Amino acid sequence: MKVMLLANQPERTTRLQLFRSTLQELGYEVVVPSFGTSNWLAITRASQEMVRREEPDVLHIFNVPDIIYHKMPQLRGRFRRLIYDYRSPWGVETQMRFGQAGLAFCERFESELARSADLITTVNSPLRDKALAFAPDKSVHIIPNYPSQSFLKMGQESSGLDLGEGSVIFVGRVCEQEGVGNLLRIARACPDQQFWIVGGGPFSWWYLKRCPPNLRSLGWQPHVKVASLVRQAALCLIPREENVLTPYSTDLSIWKLNEYLNMGKAVLASGITREGDRKNLEVVKSSRLAERVGPWLERGPQPLGGSDLRFWESNRELIEKVYQEVV
């Protein structure tokens, strides 16, 4: 059986790549088109042509931006079954920049794809409920964003950077959405504690031009070196501001959070929703982040048992069930 996995940037879509590995292990023929461009119109044309040429049995679309795929249901006949992976609320994300008009525009396409799909996959309960609001009669399966078991093998060697240990680490894009303002406030409130930033962004120079002396920016690093730095750190920070995305960002959907927890690190987070019972994770209001840093550094993380680990491989049985159901 031929499966096509479709995303606008497949090489950077971790979830798609893990689906591909699992489906190949299950014996499916998997096709993943690559486009070599970020132009939405070019991707729209190329993806439609690829569907016509390959004629997959199952077309599995990974959403955002959903407008790229809105004509795909019209190609039914060139494919047999459609799975819509609702991995992120594109409409809500757009609402943050363009208000209610942006929300209404984007959710039109989300709703269209949800109603056209034979089955929906998603990453957590809030997004499952949102998908069901679009298409109440559809079967929706939660497949969480857990890292693969191979991730634990990463970062065993030294990072090669003379940084010492015991620091608080932030990994990600340096921007308002990821909480750079909160990070700077926490660092200023804890002047005797060292903080690391592993990441960057087009405006990181502006955000960090007046950063306190106890905060060190290491820039973007290779994934293996990031894992080494996380192992060196005493506390991992996800300092997002509360906003309209908060209800849809949970411990089931945030890749780096699950990587940290699987490595046995303590994680202090804000601007997200706690969905499961996870050891070494504390979610607080962003206004309380600074006061919670000290207690975590003093206490440290609890040792993990086997049941505390969450791996992508645990999704294999469910993915097999999803594909058996859709065909």
C-alpha atoms as a PDB file:
ATOM      1  CA  MET A   1       0.000   0.000   0.000  1.00  0.00           C
ATOM      2  CA  LYS A   2       1.330   3.426  -0.966  1.00  0.00           C
ATOM      3  CA  VAL A   3       1.150   6.313   1.528  1.00  0.00           C
ATOM      4  CA  MET A   4       1.997   9.930   0.752  1.00  0.00           C
ATOM      5  CA  LEU A   5       2.984  12.159   3.674  1.00  0.00           C
ATOM      6  CA  LEU A   6       2.562  15.810   2.774  1.00  0.00           C
ATOM      7  CA  ALA A   7       3.993  18.860   4.556  1.00  0.00           C
ATOM      8  CA  ASN A   8       5.216  22.153   3.171  1.00  0.00           C
ATOM      9  CA  GLN A   9       8.713  21.626   4.666  1.00  0.00           C
ATOM     10  CA  PRO A  10       8.969  17.856   5.182  1.00  0.00           C
ATOM     11  CA  GLU A  11      12.690  17.853   5.939  1.00  0.00           C
ATOM     12  CA  ARG A  12      12.020  20.119   8.956  1.00  0.00           C
ATOM     13  CA  THR A  13       8.805  18.422  10.103  1.00  0.00           C
ATOM     14  CA  THR A  14       9.899  16.047  12.866  1.00  0.00           C
ATOM     15  CA  ARG A  15       6.453  14.531  13.237  1.00  0.00           C
ATOM     16  CA  LEU A  16       6.274  13.614   9.548  1.00  0.00           C
ATOM     17  CA  GLN A  17       9.727  12.035   9.646  1.00  0.00           C
ATOM     18  CA  LEU A  18       8.789   9.863  12.624  1.00  0.00           C
ATOM     19  CA  PHE A  19       5.541   8.828  10.946  1.00  0.00           C
ATOM     20  CA  ARG A  20       7.567   7.857   7.882  1.00  0.00           C
ATOM     21  CA  SER A  21       9.918   5.639   9.916  1.00  0.00           C
ATOM     22  CA  THR A  22       7.045   3.901  11.693  1.00  0.00           C
ATOM     23  CA  LEU A  23       5.028   3.337   8.525  1.00  0.00           C
ATOM     24  CA  GLN A  24       8.059   1.924   6.735  1.00  0.00           C
ATOM     25  CA  GLU A  25       8.623  -0.454   9.654  1.00  0.00           C
ATOM     26  CA  LEU A  26       4.995  -1.537   9.284  1.00  0.00           C
ATOM     27  CA  GLY A  27       5.616  -2.391   5.640  1.00  0.00           C
ATOM     28  CA  TYR A  28       3.994   0.566   3.866  1.00  0.00           C
ATOM     29  CA  GLU A  29       5.479   2.177   0.779  1.00  0.00           C
ATOM     30  CA  VAL A  30       5.971   5.796   1.842  1.00  0.00           C
ATOM     31  CA  VAL A  31       6.348   8.770  -0.502  1.00  0.00           C
ATOM     32  CA  VAL A  32       7.407  12.162   0.900  1.00  0.00           C
ATOM     33  CA  PRO A  33       7.510  14.988  -1.678  1.00  0.00           C
ATOM     34  CA  SER A  34      10.149  17.677  -1.190  1.00  0.00           C
ATOM     35  CA  PHE A  35       9.658  21.093  -2.760  1.00  0.00           C
ATOM     36  CA  GLY A  36      12.867  23.099  -2.450  1.00  0.00           C
ATOM     37  CA  THR A  37      10.914  26.313  -1.924  1.00  0.00           C
ATOM     38  CA  SER A  38       8.887  28.071   0.755  1.00  0.00           C
ATOM     39  CA  ASN A  39       6.548  29.717  -1.757  1.00  0.00           C
ATOM     40  CA  TRP A  40       3.000  28.626  -0.941  1.00  0.00           C
ATOM     41  CA  LEU A  41       1.721  28.838  -4.509  1.00  0.00           C
ATOM     42  CA  ALA A  42       4.620  26.777  -5.829  1.00  0.00           C
ATOM     43  CA  ILE A  43       4.106  24.151  -3.110  1.00  0.00           C
ATOM     44  CA  THR A  44       0.378  24.024  -3.844  1.00  0.00           C
ATOM     45  CA  ARG A  45       0.956  23.341  -7.540  1.00  0.00           C
ATOM     46  CA  ALA A  46       3.781  20.868  -6.958  1.00  0.00           C
ATOM     47  CA  SER A  47       1.924  18.886  -4.290  1.00  0.00           C
ATOM     48  CA  GLN A  48      -1.168  18.540  -6.486  1.00  0.00           C
ATOM     49  CA  GLU A  49       0.959  17.356  -9.391  1.00  0.00           C
ATOM     50  CA  MET A  50       2.705  14.847  -7.130  1.00  0.00           C
ATOM     51  CA  VAL A  51      -0.634  13.402  -5.990  1.00  0.00           C
ATOM     52  CA  ARG A  52      -1.779  13.057  -9.600  1.00  0.00           C
ATOM     53  CA  ARG A  53       1.447  11.311 -10.553  1.00  0.00           C
ATOM     54  CA  GLU A  54       1.864   8.990  -7.547  1.00  0.00           C
ATOM     55  CA  GLU A  55      -1.835   8.171  -6.944  1.00  0.00           C
ATOM     56  CA  PRO A  56      -1.319   7.092  -3.316  1.00  0.00           C
ATOM     57  CA  ASP A  57      -3.743   4.832  -1.499  1.00  0.00           C
ATOM     58  CA  VAL A  58      -3.582   7.126   1.542  1.00  0.00           C
ATOM     59  CA  LEU A  59      -2.809  10.848   1.520  1.00  0.00           C
ATOM     60  CA  HIS A  60      -1.739  12.038   4.981  1.00  0.00           C
ATOM     61  CA  ILE A  61      -1.638  15.845   5.242  1.00  0.00           C
ATOM     62  CA  PHE A  62       0.294  17.572   8.065  1.00  0.00           C
ATOM     63  CA  ASN A  63      -1.375  20.926   8.568  1.00  0.00           C
ATOM     64  CA  VAL A  64      -0.071  24.528   8.646  1.00  0.00           C
ATOM     65  CA  PRO A  65      -0.519  26.429   6.481  1.00  0.00           C
ATOM     66  CA  ASP A  66      -3.784  24.702   5.628  1.00  0.00           C
ATOM     67  CA  ILE A  67      -4.530  26.941   2.656  1.00  0.00           C
ATOM     68  CA  ILE A  68      -1.877  25.052   0.668  1.00  0.00           C
ATOM     69  CA  TYR A  69      -3.967  21.881   0.796  1.00  0.00           C
ATOM     70  CA  HIS A  70      -7.508  23.189   0.507  1.00  0.00           C
ATOM     71  CA  LYS A  71      -7.972  21.837  -3.041  1.00  0.00           C
ATOM     72  CA  MET A  72      -6.662  18.376  -2.198  1.00  0.00           C
ATOM     73  CA  PRO A  73     -10.115  16.904  -1.441  1.00  0.00           C
ATOM     74  CA  GLN A  74     -11.054  17.694  -5.055  1.00  0.00           C
ATOM     75  CA  LEU A  75      -8.387  15.213  -6.184  1.00  0.00           C
ATOM     76  CA  ARG A  76     -10.105  12.287  -4.481  1.00  0.00           C
ATOM     77  CA  GLY A  77      -9.981   9.506  -7.008  1.00  0.00           C
ATOM     78  CA  ARG A  78      -6.262  10.116  -7.474  1.00  0.00           C
ATOM     79  CA  PHE A  79      -6.012   8.930  -3.849  1.00  0.00           C
ATOM     80  CA  ARG A  80      -8.365   6.635  -1.925  1.00  0.00           C
ATOM     81  CA  ARG A  81      -8.299   7.877   1.671  1.00  0.00           C
ATOM     82  CA  LEU A  82      -7.406  11.192   3.332  1.00  0.00           C
ATOM     83  CA  ILE A  83      -5.903  11.615   6.810  1.00  0.00           C
ATOM     84  CA  TYR A  84      -5.686  15.149   8.216  1.00  0.00           C
ATOM     85  CA  ASP A  85      -2.995  15.617  10.869  1.00  0.00           C
ATOM     86  CA  TYR A  86      -4.175  18.562  12.951  1.00  0.00           C
ATOM     87  CA  ARG A  87      -0.879  19.159  14.717  1.00  0.00           C
ATOM     88  CA  SER A  88      -1.239  22.887  15.336  1.00  0.00           C
ATOM     89  CA  PRO A  89      -4.129  25.410  15.428  1.00  0.00           C
ATOM     90  CA  TRP A  90      -3.171  27.564  12.445  1.00  0.00           C
ATOM     91  CA  GLY A  91      -6.189  29.809  12.901  1.00  0.00           C
ATOM     92  CA  VAL A  92      -5.361  30.569  16.537  1.00  0.00           C
ATOM     93  CA  GLU A  93      -1.725  31.236  15.640  1.00  0.00           C
ATOM     94  CA  THR A  94      -2.825  33.697  12.959  1.00  0.00           C
ATOM     95  CA  GLN A  95      -5.281  35.320  15.362  1.00  0.00           C
ATOM     96  CA  MET A  96      -2.331  36.460  17.478  1.00  0.00           C
ATOM     97  CA  ARG A  97      -1.140  38.659  14.600  1.00  0.00           C
ATOM     98  CA  PHE A  98      -4.312  39.551  12.711  1.00  0.00           C
ATOM     99  CA  GLY A  99      -7.135  39.221  15.245  1.00  0.00           C
ATOM    100  CA  GLN A 100     -10.538  37.670  14.629  1.00  0.00           C
ATOM    101  CA  ALA A 101     -10.349  38.212  10.870  1.00  0.00           C
ATOM    102  CA  GLY A 102      -7.223  36.057  10.703  1.00  0.00           C
ATOM    103  CA  LEU A 103      -8.845  33.387  12.867  1.00  0.00           C
ATOM    104  CA  ALA A 104     -11.960  33.207  10.693  1.00  0.00           C
ATOM    105  CA  PHE A 105      -9.956  33.109   7.458  1.00  0.00           C
ATOM    106  CA  CYS A 106      -7.662  30.264   8.543  1.00  0.00           C
ATOM    107  CA  GLU A 107     -10.285  28.188  10.340  1.00  0.00           C
ATOM    108  CA  ARG A 108     -12.299  28.094   7.126  1.00  0.00           C
ATOM    109  CA  PHE A 109      -9.540  25.953   5.604  1.00  0.00           C
ATOM    110  CA  GLU A 110      -9.011  23.900   8.769  1.00  0.00           C
ATOM    111  CA  SER A 111     -12.713  23.093   8.886  1.00  0.00           C
ATOM    112  CA  GLU A 112     -12.794  22.210   5.191  1.00  0.00           C
ATOM    113  CA  LEU A 113      -9.934  19.727   5.533  1.00  0.00           C
ATOM    114  CA  ALA A 114     -11.310  18.219   8.746  1.00  0.00           C
ATOM    115  CA  ARG A 115     -14.719  17.633   7.148  1.00  0.00           C
ATOM    116  CA  SER A 116     -13.150  16.183   3.992  1.00  0.00           C
ATOM    117  CA  ALA A 117     -10.868  13.749   5.829  1.00  0.00           C
ATOM    118  CA  ASP A 118     -11.690  10.091   6.354  1.00  0.00           C
ATOM    119  CA  LEU A 119      -9.857  10.239   9.676  1.00  0.00           C
ATOM    120  CA  ILE A 120      -8.058  12.865  11.771  1.00  0.00           C
ATOM    121  CA  THR A 121      -4.854  12.526  13.781  1.00  0.00           C
ATOM    122  CA  THR A 122      -3.712  15.122  16.303  1.00  0.00           C
ATOM    123  CA  VAL A 123      -1.289  15.668  19.191  1.00  0.00           C
ATOM    124  CA  ASN A 124      -3.365  16.319  22.318  1.00  0.00           C
ATOM    125  CA  SER A 125      -6.854  16.481  23.812  1.00  0.00           C
ATOM    126  CA  PRO A 126      -7.543  20.213  23.259  1.00  0.00           C
ATOM    127  CA  LEU A 127      -6.754  19.892  19.547  1.00  0.00           C
ATOM    128  CA  ARG A 128      -8.827  16.711  19.347  1.00  0.00           C
ATOM    129  CA  ASP A 129     -11.774  18.647  20.758  1.00  0.00           C
ATOM    130  CA  LYS A 130     -11.182  21.491  18.313  1.00  0.00           C
ATOM    131  CA  ALA A 131     -11.032  19.070  15.388  1.00  0.00           C
ATOM    132  CA  LEU A 132     -14.297  17.485  16.526  1.00  0.00           C
ATOM    133  CA  ALA A 133     -15.880  20.943  16.631  1.00  0.00           C
ATOM    134  CA  PHE A 134     -15.038  21.243  12.928  1.00  0.00           C
ATOM    135  CA  ALA A 135     -16.134  17.691  12.076  1.00  0.00           C
ATOM    136  CA  PRO A 136     -18.228  16.066  14.852  1.00  0.00           C
ATOM    137  CA  ASP A 137     -18.740  12.807  12.962  1.00  0.00           C
ATOM    138  CA  LYS A 138     -15.056  12.074  12.355  1.00  0.00           C
ATOM    139  CA  SER A 139     -12.800   9.578  14.106  1.00  0.00           C
ATOM    140  CA  VAL A 140      -9.951  11.488  15.803  1.00  0.00           C
ATOM    141  CA  HIS A 141      -6.846   9.802  17.251  1.00  0.00           C
ATOM    142  CA  ILE A 142      -4.287  11.433  19.569  1.00  0.00           C
ATOM    143  CA  ILE A 143      -0.691  10.555  18.666  1.00  0.00           C
ATOM    144  CA  PRO A 144       1.573  12.584  20.999  1.00  0.00           C
ATOM    145  CA  ASN A 145       4.832  14.283  20.041  1.00  0.00           C
ATOM    146  CA  TYR A 146       7.231  12.032  21.911  1.00  0.00           C
ATOM    147  CA  PRO A 147      10.923  11.757  20.897  1.00  0.00           C
ATOM    148  CA  SER A 148      12.318   8.507  19.570  1.00  0.00           C
ATOM    149  CA  GLN A 149      14.320   6.226  21.836  1.00  0.00           C
ATOM    150  CA  SER A 150      17.452   7.043  19.850  1.00  0.00           C
ATOM    151  CA  PHE A 151      17.349  10.576  21.265  1.00  0.00           C
ATOM    152  CA  LEU A 152      18.554   9.307  24.656  1.00  0.00           C
ATOM    153  CA  LYS A 153      21.831   8.244  23.043  1.00  0.00           C
ATOM    154  CA  MET A 154      22.535  11.832  22.016  1.00  0.00           C
ATOM    155  CA  GLY A 155      24.595  14.203  24.115  1.00  0.00           C
ATOM    156  CA  GLN A 156      26.528  11.591  26.072  1.00  0.00           C
ATOM    157  CA  GLU A 157      29.806  13.296  25.193  1.00  0.00           C
ATOM    158  CA  SER A 158      30.897  16.746  26.325  1.00  0.00           C
ATOM    159  CA  SER A 159      29.525  19.750  24.465  1.00  0.00           C
ATOM    160  CA  GLY A 160      33.083  20.999  23.974  1.00  0.00           C
ATOM    161  CA  LEU A 161      32.133  24.319  25.574  1.00  0.00           C
ATOM    162  CA  ASP A 162      33.749  25.334  28.868  1.00  0.00           C
ATOM    163  CA  LEU A 163      30.556  26.337  30.638  1.00  0.00           C
ATOM    164  CA  GLY A 164      30.529  24.338  33.839  1.00  0.00           C
ATOM    165  CA  GLU A 165      27.322  22.892  35.239  1.00  0.00           C
ATOM    166  CA  GLY A 166      24.346  24.030  37.281  1.00  0.00           C
ATOM    167  CA  SER A 167      22.939  26.591  34.860  1.00  0.00           C
ATOM    168  CA  VAL A 168      19.356  27.233  33.771  1.00  0.00           C
ATOM    169  CA  ILE A 169      18.939  26.584  30.046  1.00  0.00           C
ATOM    170  CA  PHE A 170      16.521  27.923  27.441  1.00  0.00           C
ATOM    171  CA  VAL A 171      16.508  26.264  24.015  1.00  0.00           C
ATOM    172  CA  GLY A 172      14.618  27.732  21.089  1.00  0.00           C
ATOM    173  CA  ARG A 173      13.832  30.771  19.028  1.00  0.00           C
ATOM    174  CA  VAL A 174      14.597  34.106  20.682  1.00  0.00           C
ATOM    175  CA  CYS A 175      11.253  35.847  20.215  1.00  0.00           C
ATOM    176  CA  GLU A 176       8.224  37.081  22.131  1.00  0.00           C
ATOM    177  CA  GLN A 177       6.172  33.963  21.411  1.00  0.00           C
ATOM    178  CA  GLU A 178       8.792  31.748  23.092  1.00  0.00           C
ATOM    179  CA  GLY A 179       8.995  34.081  26.093  1.00  0.00           C
ATOM    180  CA  VAL A 180      12.264  35.981  25.687  1.00  0.00           C
ATOM    181  CA  GLY A 181      10.855  38.851  27.767  1.00  0.00           C
ATOM    182  CA  ASN A 182      10.107  36.489  30.646  1.00  0.00           C
ATOM    183  CA  LEU A 183      13.556  34.915  30.312  1.00  0.00           C
ATOM    184  CA  LEU A 184      15.268  38.292  30.651  1.00  0.00           C
ATOM    185  CA  ARG A 185      13.134  39.202  33.672  1.00  0.00           C
ATOM    186  CA  ILE A 186      13.961  35.892  35.381  1.00  0.00           C
ATOM    187  CA  ALA A 187      17.688  36.328  34.764  1.00  0.00           C
ATOM    188  CA  ARG A 188      17.593  39.832  36.244  1.00  0.00           C
ATOM    189  CA  ALA A 189      15.623  38.577  39.254  1.00  0.00           C
ATOM    190  CA  CYS A 190      18.229  35.824  39.887  1.00  0.00           C
ATOM    191  CA  PRO A 191      21.547  37.683  39.405  1.00  0.00           C
ATOM    192  CA  ASP A 192      23.671  34.981  41.086  1.00  0.00           C
ATOM    193  CA  GLN A 193      22.366  32.219  38.817  1.00  0.00           C
ATOM    194  CA  GLN A 194      23.829  31.495  35.381  1.00  0.00           C
ATOM    195  CA  PHE A 195      21.435  31.249  32.408  1.00  0.00           C
ATOM    196  CA  TRP A 196      22.140  29.904  28.912  1.00  0.00           C
ATOM    197  CA  ILE A 197      20.297  30.642  25.699  1.00  0.00           C
ATOM    198  CA  VAL A 198      20.741  28.032  22.973  1.00  0.00           C
ATOM    199  CA  GLY A 199      19.044  29.431  19.900  1.00  0.00           C
ATOM    200  CA  GLY A 200      18.559  32.629  17.987  1.00  0.00           C
ATOM    201  CA  GLY A 201      16.361  34.463  15.552  1.00  0.00           C
ATOM    202  CA  PRO A 202      16.382  37.435  13.182  1.00  0.00           C
ATOM    203  CA  PHE A 203      15.803  39.892  16.041  1.00  0.00           C
ATOM    204  CA  SER A 204      17.756  38.128  18.789  1.00  0.00           C
ATOM    205  CA  TRP A 205      20.396  40.878  18.697  1.00  0.00           C
ATOM    206  CA  TRP A 206      17.708  43.425  19.561  1.00  0.00           C
ATOM    207  CA  TYR A 207      16.152  41.400  22.369  1.00  0.00           C
ATOM    208  CA  LEU A 208      19.546  40.593  23.894  1.00  0.00           C
ATOM    209  CA  LYS A 209      21.341  43.912  23.465  1.00  0.00           C
ATOM    210  CA  ARG A 210      20.740  44.756  27.135  1.00  0.00           C
ATOM    211  CA  CYS A 211      20.796  41.254  28.570  1.00  0.00           C
ATOM    212  CA  PRO A 212      22.136  40.888  32.134  1.00  0.00           C
ATOM    213  CA  PRO A 213      25.711  39.627  32.636  1.00  0.00           C
ATOM    214  CA  ASN A 214      24.529  36.291  34.074  1.00  0.00           C
ATOM    215  CA  LEU A 215      22.794  35.374  30.806  1.00  0.00           C
ATOM    216  CA  ARG A 216      24.948  33.893  28.058  1.00  0.00           C
ATOM    217  CA  SER A 217      23.768  33.438  24.481  1.00  0.00           C
ATOM    218  CA  LEU A 218      25.344  30.438  22.734  1.00  0.00           C
ATOM    219  CA  GLY A 219      23.484  30.836  19.442  1.00  0.00           C
ATOM    220  CA  TRP A 220      22.154  27.942  17.411  1.00  0.00           C
ATOM    221  CA  GLN A 221      23.965  24.659  18.038  1.00  0.00           C
ATOM    222  CA  PRO A 222      23.857  21.224  16.348  1.00  0.00           C
ATOM    223  CA  HIS A 223      21.181  18.936  17.807  1.00  0.00           C
ATOM    224  CA  VAL A 224      23.783  16.611  19.344  1.00  0.00           C
ATOM    225  CA  LYS A 225      25.509  19.507  21.089  1.00  0.00           C
ATOM    226  CA  VAL A 226      22.155  20.837  22.328  1.00  0.00           C
ATOM    227  CA  ALA A 227      21.544  17.487  24.019  1.00  0.00           C
ATOM    228  CA  SER A 228      24.970  17.733  25.704  1.00  0.00           C
ATOM    229  CA  LEU A 229      24.202  21.232  26.959  1.00  0.00           C
ATOM    230  CA  VAL A 230      20.826  20.123  28.310  1.00  0.00           C
ATOM    231  CA  ARG A 231      22.553  17.313  30.210  1.00  0.00           C
ATOM    232  CA  GLN A 232      24.956  19.859  31.745  1.00  0.00           C
ATOM    233  CA  ALA A 233      22.165  22.189  32.848  1.00  0.00           C
ATOM    234  CA  ALA A 234      20.415  21.983  36.212  1.00  0.00           C
ATOM    235  CA  LEU A 235      17.019  23.272  35.062  1.00  0.00           C
ATOM    236  CA  CYS A 236      15.246  23.591  31.700  1.00  0.00           C
ATOM    237  CA  LEU A 237      13.055  26.637  31.174  1.00  0.00           C
ATOM    238  CA  ILE A 238      10.044  27.119  28.866  1.00  0.00           C
ATOM    239  CA  PRO A 239       9.026  30.697  29.785  1.00  0.00           C
ATOM    240  CA  ARG A 240       6.139  31.399  27.409  1.00  0.00           C
ATOM    241  CA  GLU A 241       3.588  34.125  28.058  1.00  0.00           C
ATOM    242  CA  GLU A 242      -0.041  33.114  28.563  1.00  0.00           C
ATOM    243  CA  ASN A 243      -2.055  33.772  25.403  1.00  0.00           C
ATOM    244  CA  VAL A 244      -4.705  32.249  23.134  1.00  0.00           C
ATOM    245  CA  LEU A 245      -2.337  29.392  22.229  1.00  0.00           C
ATOM    246  CA  THR A 246      -1.863  28.292  25.845  1.00  0.00           C
ATOM    247  CA  PRO A 247      -4.844  25.875  25.960  1.00  0.00           C
ATOM    248  CA  TYR A 248      -3.555  24.069  22.849  1.00  0.00           C
ATOM    249  CA  SER A 249       0.109  23.714  23.910  1.00  0.00           C
ATOM    250  CA  THR A 250       0.357  20.761  26.277  1.00  0.00           C
ATOM    251  CA  ASP A 251       2.956  18.306  27.517  1.00  0.00           C
ATOM    252  CA  LEU A 252       1.746  15.859  24.866  1.00  0.00           C
ATOM    253  CA  SER A 253       2.585  18.203  21.988  1.00  0.00           C
ATOM    254  CA  ILE A 254       5.828  20.058  22.869  1.00  0.00           C
ATOM    255  CA  TRP A 255       8.847  18.186  21.513  1.00  0.00           C
ATOM    256  CA  LYS A 256      11.563  19.809  23.592  1.00  0.00           C
ATOM    257  CA  LEU A 257       9.618  19.406  26.821  1.00  0.00           C
ATOM    258  CA  ASN A 258       9.397  15.650  26.288  1.00  0.00           C
ATOM    259  CA  GLU A 259      13.066  15.480  25.340  1.00  0.00           C
ATOM    260  CA  TYR A 260      14.012  17.238  28.584  1.00  0.00           C
ATOM    261  CA  LEU A 261      11.821  14.996  30.724  1.00  0.00           C
ATOM    262  CA  ASN A 262      13.093  11.810  29.076  1.00  0.00           C
ATOM    263  CA  MET A 263      16.642  12.955  29.897  1.00  0.00           C
ATOM    264  CA  GLY A 264      15.667  13.179  33.558  1.00  0.00           C
ATOM    265  CA  LYS A 265      15.820  16.976  33.711  1.00  0.00           C
ATOM    266  CA  ALA A 266      13.607  19.258  35.751  1.00  0.00           C
ATOM    267  CA  VAL A 267      11.398  21.503  33.611  1.00  0.00           C
ATOM    268  CA  LEU A 268       9.833  24.778  34.734  1.00  0.00           C
ATOM    269  CA  ALA A 269       7.262  26.060  32.247  1.00  0.00           C
ATOM    270  CA  SER A 270       4.620  28.724  31.749  1.00  0.00           C
ATOM    271  CA  GLY A 271       2.198  29.578  28.969  1.00  0.00           C
ATOM    272  CA  ILE A 272       1.360  25.907  28.393  1.00  0.00           C
ATOM    273  CA  THR A 273      -1.272  23.502  29.710  1.00  0.00           C
ATOM    274  CA  ARG A 274      -0.428  20.426  31.728  1.00  0.00           C
ATOM    275  CA  GLU A 275      -2.400  17.483  30.392  1.00  0.00           C
ATOM    276  CA  GLY A 276      -0.683  14.407  31.816  1.00  0.00           C
ATOM    277  CA  ASP A 277       0.932  13.429  35.117  1.00  0.00           C
ATOM    278  CA  ARG A 278       4.628  14.026  34.420  1.00  0.00           C
ATOM    279  CA  LYS A 279       7.419  13.716  36.939  1.00  0.00           C
ATOM    280  CA  ASN A 280       9.804  16.718  37.184  1.00  0.00           C
ATOM    281  CA  LEU A 281       7.464  19.102  35.347  1.00  0.00           C
ATOM    282  CA  GLU A 282       6.016  22.207  36.982  1.00  0.00           C
ATOM    283  CA  VAL A 283       3.710  24.559  35.078  1.00  0.00           C
ATOM    284  CA  VAL A 284       3.100  27.978  36.654  1.00  0.00           C
ATOM    285  CA  LYS A 285       1.910  31.418  35.655  1.00  0.00           C
ATOM    286  CA  SER A 286       4.682  33.363  33.945  1.00  0.00           C
ATOM    287  CA  SER A 287       4.621  35.888  36.792  1.00  0.00           C
ATOM    288  CA  ARG A 288       5.784  33.132  39.193  1.00  0.00           C
ATOM    289  CA  LEU A 289       8.676  31.727  37.174  1.00  0.00           C
ATOM    290  CA  ALA A 290      11.448  33.633  38.954  1.00  0.00           C
ATOM    291  CA  GLU A 291      10.320  32.545  42.420  1.00  0.00           C
ATOM    292  CA  ARG A 292      10.273  28.868  41.383  1.00  0.00           C
ATOM    293  CA  VAL A 293      13.818  28.739  39.964  1.00  0.00           C
ATOM    294  CA  GLY A 294      15.534  28.595  43.362  1.00  0.00           C
ATOM    295  CA  PRO A 295      13.457  25.737  44.837  1.00  0.00           C
ATOM    296  CA  TRP A 296      14.037  23.587  41.749  1.00  0.00           C
ATOM    297  CA  LEU A 297      17.786  24.204  41.808  1.00  0.00           C
ATOM    298  CA  GLU A 298      17.911  23.242  45.481  1.00  0.00           C
ATOM    299  CA  ARG A 299      15.732  20.160  45.132  1.00  0.00           C
ATOM    300  CA  GLY A 300      16.728  18.838  41.729  1.00  0.00           C
ATOM    301  CA  PRO A 301      14.765  16.327  39.645  1.00  0.00           C
ATOM    302  CA  GLN A 302      13.377  13.053  40.971  1.00  0.00           C
ATOM    303  CA  PRO A 303      14.848   9.810  39.595  1.00  0.00           C
ATOM    304  CA  LEU A 304      12.863   8.352  36.707  1.00  0.00           C
ATOM    305  CA  GLY A 305      11.290   4.929  36.541  1.00  0.00           C
ATOM    306  CA  GLY A 306      10.557   3.079  33.326  1.00  0.00           C
ATOM    307  CA  SER A 307       6.924   4.229  33.318  1.00  0.00           C
ATOM    308  CA  ASP A 308       8.029   7.889  33.412  1.00  0.00           C
ATOM    309  CA  LEU A 309       9.589   7.747  29.950  1.00  0.00           C
ATOM    310  CA  ARG A 310       7.586   8.680  26.859  1.00  0.00           C
ATOM    311  CA  PHE A 311       8.848   7.550  23.453  1.00  0.00           C
ATOM    312  CA  TRP A 312       7.536   7.783  19.901  1.00  0.00           C
ATOM    313  CA  GLU A 313       7.830   4.019  19.625  1.00  0.00           C
ATOM    314  CA  SER A 314       4.873   3.719  22.022  1.00  0.00           C
ATOM    315  CA  ASN A 315       2.729   5.233  19.222  1.00  0.00           C
ATOM    316  CA  ARG A 316       3.459   2.352  16.834  1.00  0.00           C
ATOM    317  CA  GLU A 317       0.433   0.238  17.776  1.00  0.00           C
ATOM    318  CA  LEU A 318      -1.915   3.219  17.502  1.00  0.00           C
ATOM    319  CA  ILE A 319      -0.493   4.272  14.133  1.00  0.00           C
ATOM    320  CA  GLU A 320      -1.014   0.734  12.877  1.00  0.00           C
ATOM    321  CA  LYS A 321      -4.607   0.855  14.144  1.00  0.00           C
ATOM    322  CA  VAL A 322      -5.213   4.230  12.458  1.00  0.00           C
ATOM    323  CA  TYR A 323      -4.069   2.946   9.087  1.00  0.00           C
ATOM    324  CA  GLN A 324      -6.025  -0.270   9.406  1.00  0.00           C
ATOM    325  CA  GLU A 325      -9.110   1.795  10.220  1.00  0.00           C
ATOM    326  CA  VAL A 326      -8.721   4.192   7.323  1.00  0.00           C
ATOM    327  CA  VAL A 327      -8.314   1.488   4.680  1.00  0.00           C
END
